[in-house]
């Protein structure tokens, strides 16, 4: 009788162990859904360019520009220098140093339906990729499918260029009925929908910009006709600053309301203005990249020059100005 009880107890333990294993198996997270054909083509287009690391990727298919992407990060070092050299109407250029914490970078080409084709630079740490190894994992490559949502600077096939830089403070007054977008996401809206500075300002004004996912920012935009503008929030309201000279530049102080003495006190703005004044706003790509080298900082992550009529994109990472990478966005300036 005792042996029977022991056998029953042993069987109960064995059965509970099997159930326990089965419970653990069913508790496993579900497998990630299979990639669509467009998503597969997108991740298969990924190419490593240098050891910064810089990668390139071509996004295939459509995306939801209002989708949510990536974590909120607070960089420890930031800056940025931007300029529009528009003295040569046949070849206006836009130059930009991105001065942030060191992270991997992605040059992304997009051509979504009902949007302008564009090329843009993405700090992929905001997607959750913080090392070169992350690009080699399935999870990391899936995260890259949200890259179109975070252009830190870029140009579309109409020659519109957008770029941002930090400022001490910026806060937009909420407007009822306007969709809320992040402070970097707003640049995607302009790249996708605008061909000119005027159109970009109109698109910008259709959204409520939320700075909770980044440091406060202001923006510089320029188009293939030679127009440019700086967009800033002052006391909660959007202010647009244009300049009649053949160039415009922006660094990390609020331009609106600043005095010439305040502007020249910043050594980067002073260097930009001296060179651009001296050339009448006319620079070729080599001279534009040299000017970016003149205003580089210790934490300059990439330097890029956009040819707004040629579609040429000239890029270097980590202040290695002796080694540039060249790309081209097919342009559609006629329509």
Protein backbone atom coordinates (compact mmCIF):
# COMPACT_ATOMS: atom_id res chain seq x y z
CA UNK A 1 0.00 0.00 0.00
CA UNK A 2 2.79 2.41 0.83
CA UNK A 3 4.52 1.52 -2.41
CA UNK A 4 1.36 2.40 -4.31
CA UNK A 5 1.21 5.80 -2.62
CA UNK A 6 4.86 6.43 -3.41
CA UNK A 7 4.29 5.53 -7.04
CA UNK A 8 1.29 7.84 -7.27
CA UNK A 9 3.28 10.69 -5.68
CA UNK A 10 6.16 10.14 -8.09
CA UNK A 11 3.76 10.17 -11.03
CA UNK A 12 2.23 13.40 -9.76
CA UNK A 13 5.65 15.05 -9.52
CA UNK A 14 6.57 13.88 -13.01
CA UNK A 15 3.30 15.16 -14.41
CA UNK A 16 3.70 18.54 -12.72
CA UNK A 17 7.19 18.82 -14.17
CA UNK A 18 5.88 18.19 -17.67
CA UNK A 19 3.14 20.78 -17.18
CA UNK A 20 5.72 23.23 -15.86
CA UNK A 21 7.87 22.78 -18.93
CA UNK A 22 4.85 23.21 -21.17
CA UNK A 23 3.89 26.38 -19.33
CA UNK A 24 7.40 27.76 -19.82
CA UNK A 25 7.28 26.99 -23.52
CA UNK A 26 3.95 28.75 -24.01
CA UNK A 27 5.32 31.75 -22.08
CA UNK A 28 7.98 32.39 -24.70
CA UNK A 29 7.52 35.67 -26.59
CA UNK A 30 5.90 35.19 -29.97
CA UNK A 31 8.19 35.08 -32.96
CA UNK A 32 8.61 38.38 -34.78
CA UNK A 33 6.34 38.63 -37.82
CA UNK A 34 7.96 37.88 -41.14
CA UNK A 35 9.23 40.89 -43.03
CA UNK A 36 7.29 42.03 -46.05
CA UNK A 37 8.98 42.04 -49.44
CA UNK A 38 9.60 45.81 -49.19
CA UNK A 39 11.01 45.47 -45.67
CA UNK A 40 13.27 42.64 -46.81
CA UNK A 41 14.56 44.74 -49.72
CA UNK A 42 15.13 47.62 -47.30
CA UNK A 43 17.28 45.72 -44.81
CA UNK A 44 19.12 43.92 -47.63
CA UNK A 45 20.15 47.31 -49.05
CA UNK A 46 22.14 48.10 -45.89
CA UNK A 47 25.81 48.77 -46.62
CA UNK A 48 28.67 49.78 -44.32
CA UNK A 49 30.64 52.75 -45.63
CA UNK A 50 33.25 53.40 -42.94
CA UNK A 51 34.24 52.57 -39.38
CA UNK A 52 32.54 55.55 -37.69
CA UNK A 53 30.44 53.49 -38.38
CA UNK A 54 28.53 55.07 -41.25
CA UNK A 55 25.99 52.97 -43.14
CA UNK A 56 23.72 53.60 -46.11
CA UNK A 57 20.27 52.15 -46.70
CA UNK A 58 17.48 52.57 -49.25
CA UNK A 59 13.97 52.42 -47.84
CA UNK A 60 11.50 50.59 -50.06
CA UNK A 61 7.77 51.07 -49.80
CA UNK A 62 5.75 53.42 -47.63
CA UNK A 63 5.89 54.46 -43.98
CA UNK A 64 3.58 56.22 -41.54
CA UNK A 65 5.20 59.57 -40.73
CA UNK A 66 3.11 59.81 -37.57
CA UNK A 67 4.28 56.44 -36.23
CA UNK A 68 6.26 56.25 -32.96
CA UNK A 69 9.98 55.56 -33.18
CA UNK A 70 12.77 54.98 -30.73
CA UNK A 71 13.69 56.01 -27.19
CA UNK A 72 14.08 59.51 -25.82
CA UNK A 73 17.76 60.38 -25.39
CA UNK A 74 19.54 63.30 -23.80
CA UNK A 75 22.95 63.92 -25.39
CA UNK A 76 25.78 65.14 -23.19
CA UNK A 77 27.48 67.25 -25.87
CA UNK A 78 25.82 69.03 -28.75
CA UNK A 79 26.22 71.99 -31.06
CA UNK A 80 25.99 72.14 -34.89
CA UNK A 81 26.88 74.67 -37.59
CA UNK A 82 24.78 75.21 -40.73
CA UNK A 83 24.97 77.51 -43.73
CA UNK A 84 23.25 78.12 -47.06
CA UNK A 85 25.67 79.36 -49.72
CA UNK A 86 23.35 80.72 -52.38
CA UNK A 87 25.55 83.23 -54.19
CA UNK A 88 25.71 81.02 -57.29
CA UNK A 89 22.10 80.51 -58.45
CA UNK A 90 23.18 77.61 -60.67
CA UNK A 91 24.73 75.72 -57.77
CA UNK A 92 23.39 76.64 -54.31
CA UNK A 93 24.91 74.54 -51.52
CA UNK A 94 23.90 73.74 -47.96
CA UNK A 95 26.62 72.72 -45.46
CA UNK A 96 26.21 71.26 -42.02
CA UNK A 97 28.28 69.94 -39.11
CA UNK A 98 26.40 67.62 -36.76
CA UNK A 99 28.04 68.04 -33.34
CA UNK A 100 26.59 65.48 -30.93
CA UNK A 101 27.63 62.45 -28.90
CA UNK A 102 29.46 59.79 -30.89
CA UNK A 103 26.94 57.28 -32.27
CA UNK A 104 26.56 55.23 -35.46
CA UNK A 105 25.13 57.15 -38.42
CA UNK A 106 22.95 56.22 -41.37
CA UNK A 107 22.58 57.91 -44.76
CA UNK A 108 19.05 57.00 -45.81
CA UNK A 109 17.39 57.21 -49.23
CA UNK A 110 13.58 57.23 -49.34
CA UNK A 111 10.99 57.51 -52.13
CA UNK A 112 7.61 56.81 -50.55
CA UNK A 113 4.40 57.07 -52.59
CA UNK A 114 2.88 60.57 -52.63
CA UNK A 115 6.08 62.04 -51.11
CA UNK A 116 9.19 63.68 -52.50
CA UNK A 117 12.18 61.38 -52.77
CA UNK A 118 14.87 62.37 -50.28
CA UNK A 119 18.21 61.59 -48.72
CA UNK A 120 18.76 62.20 -45.02
CA UNK A 121 21.16 61.58 -42.15
CA UNK A 122 19.91 59.65 -39.12
CA UNK A 123 21.47 59.37 -35.66
CA UNK A 124 20.38 55.77 -35.18
CA UNK A 125 20.92 55.82 -31.39
CA UNK A 126 17.44 57.39 -31.29
CA UNK A 127 16.20 54.12 -32.80
CA UNK A 128 18.05 52.05 -30.20
CA UNK A 129 21.17 51.17 -32.23
CA UNK A 130 24.27 52.30 -30.36
CA UNK A 131 27.06 50.16 -31.83
CA UNK A 132 28.16 48.75 -35.15
CA UNK A 133 27.24 45.28 -33.92
CA UNK A 134 23.58 46.32 -33.61
CA UNK A 135 23.41 46.57 -37.42
CA UNK A 136 24.22 42.88 -37.70
CA UNK A 137 21.34 41.62 -35.55
CA UNK A 138 17.81 40.86 -36.68
CA UNK A 139 16.41 43.12 -33.96
CA UNK A 140 18.67 46.00 -34.97
CA UNK A 141 17.75 45.69 -38.63
CA UNK A 142 14.07 45.69 -37.76
CA UNK A 143 14.59 48.88 -35.76
CA UNK A 144 16.09 50.49 -38.86
CA UNK A 145 12.70 50.23 -40.54
CA UNK A 146 11.74 53.33 -38.51
CA UNK A 147 14.72 55.33 -39.80
CA UNK A 148 12.63 57.54 -42.15
CA UNK A 149 10.95 59.05 -39.09
CA UNK A 150 14.14 60.67 -37.73
CA UNK A 151 15.99 62.82 -40.32
CA UNK A 152 18.53 64.98 -38.49
CA UNK A 153 19.23 66.78 -41.76
CA UNK A 154 18.28 66.01 -45.35
CA UNK A 155 17.47 67.09 -48.91
CA UNK A 156 14.60 66.13 -51.18
CA UNK A 157 14.50 65.83 -54.96
CA UNK A 158 13.17 69.40 -55.27
CA UNK A 159 16.33 70.76 -53.65
CA UNK A 160 14.75 71.60 -50.30
CA UNK A 161 17.24 71.07 -47.45
CA UNK A 162 16.41 70.98 -43.74
CA UNK A 163 18.67 70.93 -40.70
CA UNK A 164 18.42 71.58 -36.99
CA UNK A 165 20.63 72.77 -34.11
CA UNK A 166 20.19 73.10 -30.38
CA UNK A 167 19.31 76.38 -28.66
CA UNK A 168 19.12 77.27 -24.96
CA UNK A 169 15.33 77.14 -24.96
CA UNK A 170 12.42 76.51 -27.29
CA UNK A 171 8.83 75.69 -26.54
CA UNK A 172 5.86 75.77 -28.85
CA UNK A 173 2.46 76.92 -27.63
CA UNK A 174 0.02 74.04 -28.19
CA UNK A 175 -2.60 74.72 -30.84
CA UNK A 176 -5.86 72.79 -30.66
CA UNK A 177 -6.45 70.53 -33.61
CA UNK A 178 -2.87 70.36 -34.82
CA UNK A 179 -1.23 66.91 -34.87
CA UNK A 180 1.70 66.65 -32.45
CA UNK A 181 5.09 65.62 -33.88
CA UNK A 182 8.54 65.34 -32.37
CA UNK A 183 11.16 68.03 -32.87
CA UNK A 184 13.10 65.90 -35.38
CA UNK A 185 10.03 64.34 -36.99
CA UNK A 186 8.86 67.73 -38.22
CA UNK A 187 11.77 67.69 -40.68
CA UNK A 188 10.38 64.52 -42.28
CA UNK A 189 7.08 66.32 -42.83
CA UNK A 190 8.86 69.14 -44.68
CA UNK A 191 11.05 66.82 -46.76
CA UNK A 192 8.07 64.72 -47.83
CA UNK A 193 5.66 67.52 -48.66
CA UNK A 194 7.51 70.77 -49.47
CA UNK A 195 9.50 71.92 -52.50
CA UNK A 196 10.25 75.50 -51.45
CA UNK A 197 10.98 77.44 -48.28
CA UNK A 198 7.48 78.95 -48.36
CA UNK A 199 5.90 75.52 -48.66
CA UNK A 200 8.10 74.17 -45.85
CA UNK A 201 7.04 76.99 -43.52
CA UNK A 202 3.40 76.23 -44.35
CA UNK A 203 3.88 72.52 -43.58
CA UNK A 204 5.73 73.37 -40.35
CA UNK A 205 2.80 75.50 -39.24
CA UNK A 206 0.34 72.62 -39.62
CA UNK A 207 1.85 70.71 -36.69
CA UNK A 208 2.43 71.20 -32.98
CA UNK A 209 6.11 70.53 -32.33
CA UNK A 210 6.93 68.66 -29.12
CA UNK A 211 10.42 69.12 -27.67
CA UNK A 212 10.07 66.50 -24.92
CA UNK A 213 12.06 63.93 -26.95
CA UNK A 214 15.15 66.09 -27.49
CA UNK A 215 16.99 69.24 -26.45
CA UNK A 216 15.34 72.49 -27.61
CA UNK A 217 15.97 73.06 -31.32
CA UNK A 218 15.77 75.64 -34.05
CA UNK A 219 15.79 74.93 -37.78
CA UNK A 220 17.33 76.12 -41.01
CA UNK A 221 15.75 75.45 -44.39
CA UNK A 222 16.83 76.36 -47.92
CA UNK A 223 15.61 75.60 -51.43
CA UNK A 224 17.00 75.26 -54.94
CA UNK A 225 15.93 78.80 -55.89
CA UNK A 226 18.31 80.29 -53.32
CA UNK A 227 15.76 81.12 -50.65
CA UNK A 228 16.47 80.21 -47.02
CA UNK A 229 15.07 80.85 -43.55
CA UNK A 230 15.67 80.16 -39.86
CA UNK A 231 12.67 78.88 -37.88
CA UNK A 232 12.60 79.41 -34.11
CA UNK A 233 10.14 79.41 -31.27
CA UNK A 234 10.27 82.60 -29.22
CA UNK A 235 7.89 82.94 -26.26
CA UNK A 236 6.00 79.97 -27.65
CA UNK A 237 5.43 81.47 -31.09
CA UNK A 238 7.13 80.55 -34.37
CA UNK A 239 9.43 83.24 -35.75
CA UNK A 240 10.80 83.10 -39.29
CA UNK A 241 14.05 84.96 -40.08
CA UNK A 242 15.12 85.55 -43.67
CA UNK A 243 18.20 87.35 -44.98
CA UNK A 244 18.65 89.31 -48.19
CA UNK A 245 22.38 88.56 -48.42
CA UNK A 246 23.61 85.71 -50.69
CA UNK A 247 24.11 83.41 -47.71
CA UNK A 248 22.67 82.57 -44.32
CA UNK A 249 24.21 80.75 -41.36
CA UNK A 250 23.06 79.37 -38.03
CA UNK A 251 24.77 78.02 -34.92
CA UNK A 252 23.59 77.48 -31.33
CA UNK A 253 22.07 80.73 -30.17
CA UNK A 254 18.70 82.21 -30.97
CA UNK A 255 19.02 84.23 -34.15
CA UNK A 256 15.75 86.13 -33.82
CA UNK A 257 16.43 89.33 -31.88
CA UNK A 258 20.21 88.80 -31.72
CA UNK A 259 22.53 91.75 -32.32
CA UNK A 260 25.52 91.86 -34.69
CA UNK A 261 27.78 91.96 -31.61
CA UNK A 262 26.21 88.79 -30.23
CA UNK A 263 26.47 87.08 -33.61
CA UNK A 264 30.13 87.90 -34.09
CA UNK A 265 30.97 86.87 -30.52
CA UNK A 266 30.42 83.24 -31.56
CA UNK A 267 33.65 82.08 -33.19
CA UNK A 268 31.90 79.61 -35.49
CA UNK A 269 29.42 82.16 -36.79
CA UNK A 270 32.26 84.66 -37.17
CA UNK A 271 34.27 82.19 -39.28
CA UNK A 272 31.24 81.31 -41.40
CA UNK A 273 30.34 84.96 -42.02
CA UNK A 274 33.91 86.00 -42.88
CA UNK A 275 34.28 83.28 -45.50
CA UNK A 276 30.80 83.63 -46.98
CA UNK A 277 31.04 87.42 -47.11
CA UNK A 278 34.43 87.11 -48.76
CA UNK A 279 33.11 84.89 -51.54
CA UNK A 280 29.76 86.59 -51.99
CA UNK A 281 28.06 83.41 -50.87
CA UNK A 282 29.67 81.39 -53.68
CA UNK A 283 31.31 78.11 -52.69
CA UNK A 284 32.00 74.88 -54.53
CA UNK A 285 31.79 71.59 -52.67
CA UNK A 286 35.49 71.52 -51.80
CA UNK A 287 35.39 75.05 -50.36
CA UNK A 288 32.16 74.27 -48.48
CA UNK A 289 33.71 71.20 -46.88
CA UNK A 290 36.80 73.23 -46.00
CA UNK A 291 34.58 75.80 -44.27
CA UNK A 292 32.96 73.02 -42.25
CA UNK A 293 36.45 71.90 -41.25
CA UNK A 294 37.17 75.46 -40.06
CA UNK A 295 34.21 75.36 -37.66
CA UNK A 296 34.50 71.75 -36.52
CA UNK A 297 34.34 70.97 -32.81
CA UNK A 298 35.76 68.13 -30.76
CA UNK A 299 32.44 66.30 -30.97
CA UNK A 300 31.68 66.82 -34.68
CA UNK A 301 30.17 63.53 -35.83
CA UNK A 302 29.52 64.21 -39.50
CA UNK A 303 30.00 67.02 -41.99
CA UNK A 304 27.81 67.08 -45.07
CA UNK A 305 27.33 69.28 -48.14
CA UNK A 306 24.12 69.09 -50.17
CA UNK A 307 24.13 70.24 -53.82
CA UNK A 308 20.61 71.59 -54.11
CA UNK A 309 20.43 71.48 -57.89
CA UNK A 310 22.97 68.76 -58.67
CA UNK A 311 21.70 66.30 -56.06
CA UNK A 312 25.28 65.64 -55.01
CA UNK A 313 25.85 64.68 -51.37
CA UNK A 314 29.38 64.92 -49.99
CA UNK A 315 29.91 63.48 -46.54
CA UNK A 316 32.66 62.76 -44.04
CA UNK A 317 32.51 61.34 -40.53
CA UNK A 318 34.59 61.94 -37.42
CA UNK A 319 36.36 65.05 -38.81
CA UNK A 320 38.22 63.00 -41.41
CA UNK A 321 38.06 65.76 -44.00
CA UNK A 322 40.80 64.16 -46.06
CA UNK A 323 38.40 61.29 -46.86
CA UNK A 324 34.96 62.15 -48.17
CA UNK A 325 32.18 59.90 -49.43
CA UNK A 326 30.13 60.97 -52.44
CA UNK A 327 26.52 60.08 -53.20
CA UNK A 328 23.78 61.43 -55.45
CA UNK A 329 20.04 61.90 -55.11
CA UNK A 330 18.25 61.94 -58.52
CA UNK A 331 16.60 65.34 -58.75
CA UNK A 332 13.20 66.41 -60.07
CA UNK A 333 13.51 70.16 -60.43
CA UNK A 334 11.46 70.62 -63.58
CA UNK A 335 8.02 69.91 -62.12
